[in-house]
């Protein structure tokens, strides 16, 4: 099993992924957004997109 920084990051992402949706939950540090609003979902969509790029890298 590889143990480099990227491999460690990939394991963290997989461990913190929402098992039902596959998303990476994220919250805004600027404002407490109400669950289900477009602004709230934007943060999760963005985090999930970045995570997908990381998980694809090096494969």
C-alpha atoms as a PDB file:
ATOM      1  CA  UNK A   1       0.000   0.000   0.000  1.00  0.00           C
ATOM      2  CA  UNK A   2       1.407   3.394  -0.997  1.00  0.00           C
ATOM      3  CA  UNK A   3       1.875   5.897   1.809  1.00  0.00           C
ATOM      4  CA  UNK A   4       2.695   9.172   0.072  1.00  0.00           C
ATOM      5  CA  UNK A   5       0.840  12.435   0.774  1.00  0.00           C
ATOM      6  CA  UNK A   6      -1.496  12.023  -2.209  1.00  0.00           C
ATOM      7  CA  UNK A   7      -2.396   8.493  -1.134  1.00  0.00           C
ATOM      8  CA  UNK A   8      -3.093   9.727   2.392  1.00  0.00           C
ATOM      9  CA  UNK A   9      -5.324  12.495   0.993  1.00  0.00           C
ATOM     10  CA  UNK A  10      -7.210   9.997  -1.174  1.00  0.00           C
ATOM     11  CA  UNK A  11      -7.853   7.751   1.834  1.00  0.00           C
ATOM     12  CA  UNK A  12      -9.136  10.767   3.822  1.00  0.00           C
ATOM     13  CA  UNK A  13     -11.514  11.753   1.009  1.00  0.00           C
ATOM     14  CA  UNK A  14     -12.894   8.231   0.722  1.00  0.00           C
ATOM     15  CA  UNK A  15     -13.343   7.970   4.499  1.00  0.00           C
ATOM     16  CA  UNK A  16     -15.222  11.302   4.670  1.00  0.00           C
ATOM     17  CA  UNK A  17     -17.372  10.776   1.589  1.00  0.00           C
ATOM     18  CA  UNK A  18     -21.136  10.624   2.103  1.00  0.00           C
ATOM     19  CA  UNK A  19     -21.857   6.942   1.542  1.00  0.00           C
ATOM     20  CA  UNK A  20     -25.411   7.497   0.245  1.00  0.00           C
ATOM     21  CA  UNK A  21     -24.708  10.220  -2.336  1.00  0.00           C
ATOM     22  CA  UNK A  22     -20.958   9.929  -2.895  1.00  0.00           C
ATOM     23  CA  UNK A  23     -20.596  13.656  -2.194  1.00  0.00           C
ATOM     24  CA  UNK A  24     -17.975  15.308  -0.035  1.00  0.00           C
ATOM     25  CA  UNK A  25     -19.961  17.444   2.435  1.00  0.00           C
ATOM     26  CA  UNK A  26     -18.693  21.018   2.810  1.00  0.00           C
ATOM     27  CA  UNK A  27     -19.761  24.145   4.669  1.00  0.00           C
ATOM     28  CA  UNK A  28     -19.046  27.791   3.989  1.00  0.00           C
ATOM     29  CA  UNK A  29     -16.703  29.448   6.456  1.00  0.00           C
ATOM     30  CA  UNK A  30     -18.302  32.805   5.638  1.00  0.00           C
ATOM     31  CA  UNK A  31     -21.918  32.089   6.511  1.00  0.00           C
ATOM     32  CA  UNK A  32     -24.017  29.326   8.031  1.00  0.00           C
ATOM     33  CA  UNK A  33     -26.094  28.264   5.035  1.00  0.00           C
ATOM     34  CA  UNK A  34     -29.423  26.504   5.365  1.00  0.00           C
ATOM     35  CA  UNK A  35     -29.301  22.858   4.244  1.00  0.00           C
ATOM     36  CA  UNK A  36     -30.761  22.332   0.786  1.00  0.00           C
ATOM     37  CA  UNK A  37     -30.355  25.912  -0.471  1.00  0.00           C
ATOM     38  CA  UNK A  38     -28.449  26.591  -3.685  1.00  0.00           C
ATOM     39  CA  UNK A  39     -25.610  28.255  -1.760  1.00  0.00           C
ATOM     40  CA  UNK A  40     -25.328  25.270   0.595  1.00  0.00           C
ATOM     41  CA  UNK A  41     -25.374  22.793  -2.279  1.00  0.00           C
ATOM     42  CA  UNK A  42     -22.776  24.831  -4.195  1.00  0.00           C
ATOM     43  CA  UNK A  43     -20.199  24.219  -1.462  1.00  0.00           C
ATOM     44  CA  UNK A  44     -20.808  20.468  -1.489  1.00  0.00           C
ATOM     45  CA  UNK A  45     -20.815  20.347  -5.301  1.00  0.00           C
ATOM     46  CA  UNK A  46     -17.539  22.256  -5.419  1.00  0.00           C
ATOM     47  CA  UNK A  47     -15.883  20.072  -2.777  1.00  0.00           C
ATOM     48  CA  UNK A  48     -17.082  16.933  -4.554  1.00  0.00           C
ATOM     49  CA  UNK A  49     -15.717  18.162  -7.884  1.00  0.00           C
ATOM     50  CA  UNK A  50     -12.295  18.909  -6.425  1.00  0.00           C
ATOM     51  CA  UNK A  51     -12.285  15.535  -4.656  1.00  0.00           C
ATOM     52  CA  UNK A  52     -13.145  13.773  -7.919  1.00  0.00           C
ATOM     53  CA  UNK A  53     -10.165  15.413  -9.617  1.00  0.00           C
ATOM     54  CA  UNK A  54      -7.862  14.318  -6.794  1.00  0.00           C
ATOM     55  CA  UNK A  55      -9.198  10.765  -6.765  1.00  0.00           C
ATOM     56  CA  UNK A  56      -8.693  10.477 -10.546  1.00  0.00           C
ATOM     57  CA  UNK A  57      -5.145  11.790 -10.448  1.00  0.00           C
ATOM     58  CA  UNK A  58      -2.444   9.214 -10.685  1.00  0.00           C
ATOM     59  CA  UNK A  59      -4.825   6.394 -11.586  1.00  0.00           C
END
